[in-house]
C-alpha atoms as a PDB file:
ATOM      1  CA  MET A   1     180.365  73.466  71.224  1.00  0.00           C
ATOM      2  CA  GLU A   2     176.969  73.825  69.473  1.00  0.00           C
ATOM      3  CA  ARG A   3     175.899  70.263  70.545  1.00  0.00           C
ATOM      4  CA  GLN A   4     176.611  71.076  74.341  1.00  0.00           C
ATOM      5  CA  ARG A   5     174.253  73.890  74.774  1.00  0.00           C
ATOM      6  CA  GLY A   6     171.185  71.744  75.289  1.00  0.00           C
ATOM      7  CA  ASN A   7     167.833  71.964  73.804  1.00  0.00           C
ATOM      8  CA  GLN A   8     166.611  75.615  74.055  1.00  0.00           C
ATOM      9  CA  LEU A   9     162.934  74.766  73.462  1.00  0.00           C
ATOM     10  CA  LEU A  10     162.904  72.333  76.286  1.00  0.00           C
ATOM     11  CA  ARG A  11     164.477  74.730  78.579  1.00  0.00           C
ATOM     12  CA  ILE A  12     161.829  77.425  77.565  1.00  0.00           C
ATOM     13  CA  ILE A  13     159.047  74.919  78.188  1.00  0.00           C
ATOM     14  CA  SER A  14     160.433  73.985  81.565  1.00  0.00           C
ATOM     15  CA  GLU A  15     160.646  77.583  82.483  1.00  0.00           C
ATOM     16  CA  TYR A  16     156.982  78.065  81.405  1.00  0.00           C
ATOM     17  CA  MET A  17     155.768  75.285  83.641  1.00  0.00           C
ATOM     18  CA  THR A  18     157.651  76.752  86.538  1.00  0.00           C
ATOM     19  CA  ASN A  19     156.243  80.168  85.891  1.00  0.00           C
ATOM     20  CA  LEU A  20     152.799  78.711  85.497  1.00  0.00           C
ATOM     21  CA  LYS A  21     152.771  77.566  89.081  1.00  0.00           C
ATOM     22  CA  GLU A  22     154.408  80.714  90.567  1.00  0.00           C
ATOM     23  CA  LYS A  23     153.052  83.564  88.318  1.00  0.00           C
ATOM     24  CA  GLY A  24     149.935  82.253  86.674  1.00  0.00           C
ATOM     25  CA  GLN A  25     149.039  81.407  83.019  1.00  0.00           C
ATOM     26  CA  LYS A  26     149.213  84.924  81.552  1.00  0.00           C
ATOM     27  CA  LEU A  27     152.517  85.975  82.837  1.00  0.00           C
ATOM     28  CA  ALA A  28     154.035  82.482  82.238  1.00  0.00           C
ATOM     29  CA  LYS A  29     152.776  82.726  78.573  1.00  0.00           C
ATOM     30  CA  ASP A  30     154.029  86.250  78.100  1.00  0.00           C
ATOM     31  CA  ASN A  31     157.417  85.362  79.414  1.00  0.00           C
ATOM     32  CA  THR A  32     157.738  82.254  77.291  1.00  0.00           C
ATOM     33  CA  MET A  33     156.769  84.043  74.076  1.00  0.00           C
ATOM     34  CA  GLU A  34     159.201  86.719  74.667  1.00  0.00           C
ATOM     35  CA  ASN A  35     161.933  84.071  75.129  1.00  0.00           C
ATOM     36  CA  LEU A  36     160.817  82.469  71.860  1.00  0.00           C
ATOM     37  CA  VAL A  37     160.938  85.776  70.011  1.00  0.00           C
ATOM     38  CA  ASN A  38     164.540  86.393  71.303  1.00  0.00           C
ATOM     39  CA  PHE A  39     165.404  82.771  70.324  1.00  0.00           C
ATOM     40  CA  THR A  40     168.246  82.362  67.776  1.00  0.00           C
ATOM     41  CA  PRO A  41     168.596  79.059  65.889  1.00  0.00           C
ATOM     42  CA  ARG A  42     171.960  77.344  65.959  1.00  0.00           C
ATOM     43  CA  TYR A  43     172.622  78.219  62.304  1.00  0.00           C
ATOM     44  CA  ASN A  44     176.062  76.446  62.242  1.00  0.00           C
ATOM     45  CA  LEU A  45     174.446  73.170  63.352  1.00  0.00           C
ATOM     46  CA  ILE A  46     171.624  73.458  60.845  1.00  0.00           C
ATOM     47  CA  LYS A  47     174.066  74.313  58.052  1.00  0.00           C
ATOM     48  CA  SER A  48     176.298  71.296  59.026  1.00  0.00           C
ATOM     49  CA  TYR A  49     173.204  69.021  58.905  1.00  0.00           C
ATOM     50  CA  LEU A  50     172.155  70.358  55.448  1.00  0.00           C
ATOM     51  CA  ASP A  51     175.692  69.801  54.168  1.00  0.00           C
ATOM     52  CA  ASP A  52     175.364  66.183  55.261  1.00  0.00           C
ATOM     53  CA  VAL A  53     172.104  65.893  53.410  1.00  0.00           C
ATOM     54  CA  GLU A  54     173.732  67.281  50.304  1.00  0.00           C
ATOM     55  CA  ARG A  55     176.662  64.971  50.478  1.00  0.00           C
ATOM     56  CA  ALA A  56     174.237  62.006  50.899  1.00  0.00           C
ATOM     57  CA  LEU A  57     172.329  63.124  47.821  1.00  0.00           C
ATOM     58  CA  ASP A  58     175.602  63.314  45.919  1.00  0.00           C
ATOM     59  CA  ARG A  59     176.347  59.711  46.804  1.00  0.00           C
ATOM     60  CA  SER A  60     172.770  58.534  46.227  1.00  0.00           C
ATOM     61  CA  GLY A  61     172.910  58.764  42.418  1.00  0.00           C
ATOM     62  CA  LEU A  62     169.616  60.709  42.491  1.00  0.00           C
ATOM     63  CA  CYS A  63     169.052  64.061  40.814  1.00  0.00           C
ATOM     64  CA  TYR A  64     168.333  66.921  43.260  1.00  0.00           C
ATOM     65  CA  VAL A  65     167.248  70.527  43.294  1.00  0.00           C
ATOM     66  CA  LYS A  66     168.782  72.790  45.982  1.00  0.00           C
ATOM     67  CA  ILE A  67     166.444  75.641  46.778  1.00  0.00           C
ATOM     68  CA  THR A  68     167.214  78.746  49.005  1.00  0.00           C
ATOM     69  CA  PHE A  69     164.400  81.131  49.626  1.00  0.00           C
ATOM     70  CA  ILE A  70     163.502  84.062  51.862  1.00  0.00           C
ATOM     71  CA  THR A  71     160.368  84.948  53.642  1.00  0.00           C
ATOM     72  CA  LEU A  72     158.951  88.291  52.313  1.00  0.00           C
ATOM     73  CA  SER A  73     156.123  88.249  54.961  1.00  0.00           C
ATOM     74  CA  LYS A  74     155.283  86.427  58.083  1.00  0.00           C
ATOM     75  CA  LEU A  75     154.741  82.657  57.793  1.00  0.00           C
ATOM     76  CA  LEU A  76     152.385  80.291  59.733  1.00  0.00           C
ATOM     77  CA  THR A  77     152.990  76.643  59.016  1.00  0.00           C
ATOM     78  CA  GLY A  78     153.071  73.110  60.600  1.00  0.00           C
ATOM     79  CA  TRP A  79     152.164  71.548  63.809  1.00  0.00           C
ATOM     80  CA  SER A  80     153.865  72.469  67.109  1.00  0.00           C
ATOM     81  CA  PRO A  81     154.717  70.796  70.446  1.00  0.00           C
ATOM     82  CA  ILE A  82     154.180  74.267  72.081  1.00  0.00           C
ATOM     83  CA  TYR A  83     150.637  74.806  70.752  1.00  0.00           C
ATOM     84  CA  PHE A  84     149.460  75.126  74.259  1.00  0.00           C
ATOM     85  CA  ILE A  85     151.583  78.254  74.552  1.00  0.00           C
ATOM     86  CA  THR A  86     151.547  79.782  71.093  1.00  0.00           C
ATOM     87  CA  GLU A  87     147.908  78.908  70.272  1.00  0.00           C
ATOM     88  CA  VAL A  88     148.706  78.493  66.622  1.00  0.00           C
ATOM     89  CA  PRO A  89     150.602  75.610  65.047  1.00  0.00           C
ATOM     90  CA  LEU A  90     154.380  76.165  64.554  1.00  0.00           C
ATOM     91  CA  ALA A  91     156.402  73.316  63.332  1.00  0.00           C
ATOM     92  CA  TRP A  92     159.497  72.722  65.545  1.00  0.00           C
ATOM     93  CA  ASP A  93     162.360  70.206  64.905  1.00  0.00           C
ATOM     94  CA  MET A  94     163.251  68.863  68.329  1.00  0.00           C
ATOM     95  CA  ILE A  95     166.640  67.531  67.306  1.00  0.00           C
ATOM     96  CA  LEU A  96     168.015  70.680  65.459  1.00  0.00           C
ATOM     97  CA  ASP A  97     166.023  72.805  68.021  1.00  0.00           C
ATOM     98  CA  THR A  98     164.526  75.199  65.399  1.00  0.00           C
ATOM     99  CA  PRO A  99     161.299  76.109  63.643  1.00  0.00           C
ATOM    100  CA  TYR A 100     161.114  74.597  60.169  1.00  0.00           C
ATOM    101  CA  ILE A 101     158.737  73.796  57.232  1.00  0.00           C
ATOM    102  CA  ALA A 102     157.959  70.115  57.017  1.00  0.00           C
ATOM    103  CA  GLY A 103     158.708  68.472  53.640  1.00  0.00           C
ATOM    104  CA  SER A 104     155.273  66.747  53.735  1.00  0.00           C
ATOM    105  CA  GLU A 105     153.678  70.196  53.973  1.00  0.00           C
ATOM    106  CA  ILE A 106     155.715  71.660  51.075  1.00  0.00           C
ATOM    107  CA  LYS A 107     154.659  68.716  48.986  1.00  0.00           C
ATOM    108  CA  GLY A 108     151.005  69.233  49.786  1.00  0.00           C
ATOM    109  CA  ILE A 109     151.194  72.921  49.044  1.00  0.00           C
ATOM    110  CA  VAL A 110     152.958  72.504  45.754  1.00  0.00           C
ATOM    111  CA  LYS A 111     150.654  69.742  44.734  1.00  0.00           C
ATOM    112  CA  ASN A 112     147.568  71.872  45.295  1.00  0.00           C
ATOM    113  CA  TYR A 113     149.133  74.787  43.271  1.00  0.00           C
ATOM    114  CA  PHE A 114     149.970  72.337  40.504  1.00  0.00           C
ATOM    115  CA  LYS A 115     146.313  72.116  39.601  1.00  0.00           C
ATOM    116  CA  GLU A 116     146.384  75.832  38.768  1.00  0.00           C
ATOM    117  CA  VAL A 117     149.665  75.517  36.695  1.00  0.00           C
ATOM    118  CA  THR A 118     148.318  72.580  34.618  1.00  0.00           C
ATOM    119  CA  SER A 119     145.230  70.510  34.618  1.00  0.00           C
ATOM    120  CA  ASN A 120     147.031  67.268  33.679  1.00  0.00           C
ATOM    121  CA  ASP A 121     145.881  64.810  36.387  1.00  0.00           C
ATOM    122  CA  LYS A 122     148.076  62.071  35.119  1.00  0.00           C
ATOM    123  CA  VAL A 123     151.334  64.146  35.519  1.00  0.00           C
ATOM    124  CA  GLU A 124     150.166  65.230  39.001  1.00  0.00           C
ATOM    125  CA  SER A 125     149.531  61.671  40.093  1.00  0.00           C
ATOM    126  CA  CYS A 126     152.890  60.580  38.772  1.00  0.00           C
ATOM    127  CA  LEU A 127     154.819  63.341  40.379  1.00  0.00           C
ATOM    128  CA  TYR A 128     153.228  63.582  43.740  1.00  0.00           C
ATOM    129  CA  GLY A 129     151.547  60.235  44.145  1.00  0.00           C
ATOM    130  CA  ASP A 130     147.873  59.389  45.083  1.00  0.00           C
ATOM    131  CA  GLU A 131     146.009  56.889  47.055  1.00  0.00           C
ATOM    132  CA  GLY A 132     148.038  53.705  47.060  1.00  0.00           C
ATOM    133  CA  LYS A 133     150.808  55.135  44.963  1.00  0.00           C
ATOM    134  CA  MET A 134     154.057  56.958  45.867  1.00  0.00           C
ATOM    135  CA  GLY A 135     155.154  60.012  43.972  1.00  0.00           C
ATOM    136  CA  LYS A 136     158.412  60.332  41.958  1.00  0.00           C
ATOM    137  CA  VAL A 137     159.716  63.361  43.982  1.00  0.00           C
ATOM    138  CA  ILE A 138     161.114  63.400  47.559  1.00  0.00           C
ATOM    139  CA  PHE A 139     160.384  66.727  49.331  1.00  0.00           C
ATOM    140  CA  PHE A 140     162.754  67.574  52.170  1.00  0.00           C
ATOM    141  CA  ASN A 141     162.159  69.702  55.244  1.00  0.00           C
ATOM    142  CA  ALA A 142     163.179  73.452  54.867  1.00  0.00           C
ATOM    143  CA  TYR A 143     165.311  74.813  57.567  1.00  0.00           C
ATOM    144  CA  PRO A 144     166.265  78.431  58.381  1.00  0.00           C
ATOM    145  CA  ILE A 145     169.892  79.190  57.637  1.00  0.00           C
ATOM    146  CA  ASP A 146     170.027  83.030  58.164  1.00  0.00           C
ATOM    147  CA  GLY A 147     168.178  85.860  59.556  1.00  0.00           C
ATOM    148  CA  LYS A 148     167.605  87.795  62.875  1.00  0.00           C
ATOM    149  CA  ASN A 149     164.695  87.058  65.048  1.00  0.00           C
ATOM    150  CA  VAL A 150     163.378  83.955  63.304  1.00  0.00           C
ATOM    151  CA  LEU A 151     160.168  84.398  65.309  1.00  0.00           C
ATOM    152  CA  THR A 152     158.065  87.373  65.751  1.00  0.00           C
ATOM    153  CA  TYR A 153     154.797  88.504  67.308  1.00  0.00           C
ATOM    154  CA  ASP A 154     151.502  88.803  65.762  1.00  0.00           C
ATOM    155  CA  ILE A 155     147.978  89.669  66.797  1.00  0.00           C
ATOM    156  CA  ILE A 156     144.455  88.306  66.202  1.00  0.00           C
ATOM    157  CA  THR A 157     141.498  90.261  67.501  1.00  0.00           C
ATOM    158  CA  PRO A 158     138.275  88.176  67.878  1.00  0.00           C
ATOM    159  CA  HIS A 159     135.325  90.513  67.173  1.00  0.00           C
ATOM    160  CA  TYR A 160     132.321  88.745  68.682  1.00  0.00           C
ATOM    161  CA  ASN A 161     133.453  86.927  71.756  1.00  0.00           C
ATOM    162  CA  GLY A 162     130.296  86.579  73.926  1.00  0.00           C
ATOM    163  CA  ALA A 163     128.732  89.770  72.571  1.00  0.00           C
ATOM    164  CA  LYS A 164     124.979  89.729  71.494  1.00  0.00           C
ATOM    165  CA  ASP A 165     125.591  92.370  68.700  1.00  0.00           C
ATOM    166  CA  GLU A 166     128.454  94.444  67.356  1.00  0.00           C
ATOM    167  CA  TYR A 167     127.649  97.446  69.718  1.00  0.00           C
ATOM    168  CA  ASN A 168     128.596  95.328  72.757  1.00  0.00           C
ATOM    169  CA  VAL A 169     131.916  94.007  71.385  1.00  0.00           C
ATOM    170  CA  LYS A 170     134.845  94.117  73.621  1.00  0.00           C
ATOM    171  CA  PRO A 171     137.564  92.604  71.545  1.00  0.00           C
ATOM    172  CA  ILE A 172     140.401  90.861  73.462  1.00  0.00           C
ATOM    173  CA  PRO A 173     143.655  90.766  71.283  1.00  0.00           C
ATOM    174  CA  ILE A 174     145.398  87.376  71.196  1.00  0.00           C
ATOM    175  CA  LYS A 175     149.171  87.420  70.815  1.00  0.00           C
ATOM    176  CA  PHE A 176     150.791  84.557  68.968  1.00  0.00           C
ATOM    177  CA  LEU A 177     153.957  83.720  67.160  1.00  0.00           C
ATOM    178  CA  ALA A 178     154.830  83.433  63.431  1.00  0.00           C
ATOM    179  CA  ILE A 179     158.112  82.990  61.448  1.00  0.00           C
ATOM    180  CA  ASN A 180     159.375  86.365  60.699  1.00  0.00           C
ATOM    181  CA  LYS A 181     160.008  87.977  57.279  1.00  0.00           C
ATOM    182  CA  GLY A 182     163.500  88.212  56.118  1.00  0.00           C
ATOM    183  CA  ILE A 183     164.445  84.665  57.198  1.00  0.00           C
ATOM    184  CA  THR A 184     166.432  82.557  54.670  1.00  0.00           C
ATOM    185  CA  PHE A 185     165.611  78.860  54.339  1.00  0.00           C
ATOM    186  CA  LYS A 186     167.138  75.939  52.498  1.00  0.00           C
ATOM    187  CA  THR A 187     165.488  72.770  51.221  1.00  0.00           C
ATOM    188  CA  TYR A 188     165.885  70.021  48.594  1.00  0.00           C
ATOM    189  CA  LEU A 189     163.829  68.136  46.081  1.00  0.00           C
ATOM    190  CA  ALA A 190     165.143  64.707  44.967  1.00  0.00           C
ATOM    191  CA  PHE A 191     164.225  62.350  42.136  1.00  0.00           C
ATOM    192  CA  ASP A 192     165.436  59.539  39.886  1.00  0.00           C
ATOM    193  CA  ASN A 193     165.775  61.212  36.485  1.00  0.00           C
ATOM    194  CA  LYS A 194     164.682  58.114  34.565  1.00  0.00           C
ATOM    195  CA  GLU A 195     161.521  57.664  36.731  1.00  0.00           C
ATOM    196  CA  LEU A 196     160.698  61.329  36.503  1.00  0.00           C
ATOM    197  CA  ASN A 197     160.812  61.286  32.777  1.00  0.00           C
ATOM    198  CA  GLU A 198     158.125  58.558  32.875  1.00  0.00           C
ATOM    199  CA  CYS A 199     155.816  61.329  34.019  1.00  0.00           C
ATOM    200  CA  GLY A 200     156.448  63.255  30.840  1.00  0.00           C
ATOM    201  CA  LYS A 201     159.198  65.148  29.215  1.00  0.00           C
ATOM    202  CA  ASP A 202     158.141  68.413  30.772  1.00  0.00           C
ATOM    203  CA  SER A 203     157.688  66.983  34.242  1.00  0.00           C
ATOM    204  CA  LEU A 204     160.808  68.744  35.897  1.00  0.00           C
ATOM    205  CA  TYR A 205     159.822  72.065  34.158  1.00  0.00           C
ATOM    206  CA  LEU A 206     156.289  71.787  35.543  1.00  0.00           C
ATOM    207  CA  LEU A 207     157.503  70.799  39.031  1.00  0.00           C
ATOM    208  CA  LEU A 208     159.840  73.841  39.258  1.00  0.00           C
ATOM    209  CA  LYS A 209     157.385  76.167  37.684  1.00  0.00           C
ATOM    210  CA  THR A 210     154.804  75.214  40.335  1.00  0.00           C
ATOM    211  CA  MET A 211     157.246  75.518  43.145  1.00  0.00           C
ATOM    212  CA  ILE A 212     158.077  79.172  41.959  1.00  0.00           C
ATOM    213  CA  PHE A 213     154.325  79.928  41.501  1.00  0.00           C
ATOM    214  CA  SER A 214     153.461  78.541  44.935  1.00  0.00           C
ATOM    215  CA  MET A 215     156.071  80.647  46.623  1.00  0.00           C
ATOM    216  CA  ARG A 216     154.729  83.864  45.006  1.00  0.00           C
ATOM    217  CA  ILE A 217     151.142  83.083  46.047  1.00  0.00           C
ATOM    218  CA  GLY A 218     152.171  81.946  49.486  1.00  0.00           C
ATOM    219  CA  TRP A 219     152.743  78.961  51.855  1.00  0.00           C
ATOM    220  CA  GLY A 220     150.928  78.078  54.989  1.00  0.00           C
ATOM    221  CA  ARG A 221     148.062  79.659  56.734  1.00  0.00           C
ATOM    222  CA  LYS A 222     146.348  83.105  56.216  1.00  0.00           C
ATOM    223  CA  VAL A 223     147.786  83.371  52.658  1.00  0.00           C
ATOM    224  CA  THR A 224     144.791  85.569  51.612  1.00  0.00           C
ATOM    225  CA  ARG A 225     145.887  88.061  54.348  1.00  0.00           C
ATOM    226  CA  GLY A 226     149.333  88.395  52.944  1.00  0.00           C
ATOM    227  CA  TYR A 227     151.110  85.658  55.028  1.00  0.00           C
ATOM    228  CA  GLY A 228     153.493  83.139  53.523  1.00  0.00           C
ATOM    229  CA  SER A 229     154.998  85.134  50.561  1.00  0.00           C
ATOM    230  CA  LEU A 230     158.377  83.875  49.618  1.00  0.00           C
ATOM    231  CA  ASP A 231     161.133  84.611  47.114  1.00  0.00           C
ATOM    232  CA  ILE A 232     163.669  82.199  45.682  1.00  0.00           C
ATOM    233  CA  LYS A 233     167.310  83.343  46.135  1.00  0.00           C
ATOM    234  CA  GLU A 234     168.781  80.142  44.495  1.00  0.00           C
ATOM    235  CA  MET A 235     167.483  77.199  42.561  1.00  0.00           C
ATOM    236  CA  ASP A 236     170.258  74.743  41.488  1.00  0.00           C
ATOM    237  CA  VAL A 237     169.465  71.470  39.673  1.00  0.00           C
ATOM    238  CA  LYS A 238     172.243  68.816  39.836  1.00  0.00           C
ATOM    239  CA  CYS A 239     172.121  65.516  38.060  1.00  0.00           C
ATOM    240  CA  HIS A 240     175.174  63.039  38.066  1.00  0.00           C
ATOM    241  CA  GLY A 241     176.787  62.828  34.684  1.00  0.00           C
ATOM    242  CA  GLU A 242     175.165  66.070  33.441  1.00  0.00           C
END
């Protein structure tokens, strides 16, 4: 039944284009953003996909880390096919029809924080890779698996739009969308245990320590303003034969 409902995002975009012609940009955008805020991911479909991922990892012979975490604040991350509506990037999986956090972005975030956890450039290069060299760890996309109203409104107020000085300012608030707080996500990290040990005996410890550290500091945009704070609910390491 889940697969027969059609892609909700495409339906919302189609409705936006119709309203754009009939009602103008502002009303079309307001209506679309309201639809997105009321949007509910197909959690059963997402969980089924993640179960398939985990079964594939079990068969692969790789070690993997299953990580479940929850957003403690609003989150801005990724690139979006609906940027022309939301005005801020928001990653969207067109197959699972849901906002998500790209594995490549998670890798980049954790790699950047790794420099603060340790200054060992050799281990960093080995784990995450560098120019012309692949890293030892595979970072998977993180998908929402639970939570009400996965998207929410937020406001940016430009202060000096066309004003000569601060006394002539007439700020126009800009409404945009962000991933809501209280949304539970699941993701995976995978690696060959023998290859990972080539990076150093503490490589896995440093990797997981950095993952935890990065979540406490924040992921995505506007971290310095309190966005992107996360909390780990579960972190389970599984290696075959261990």
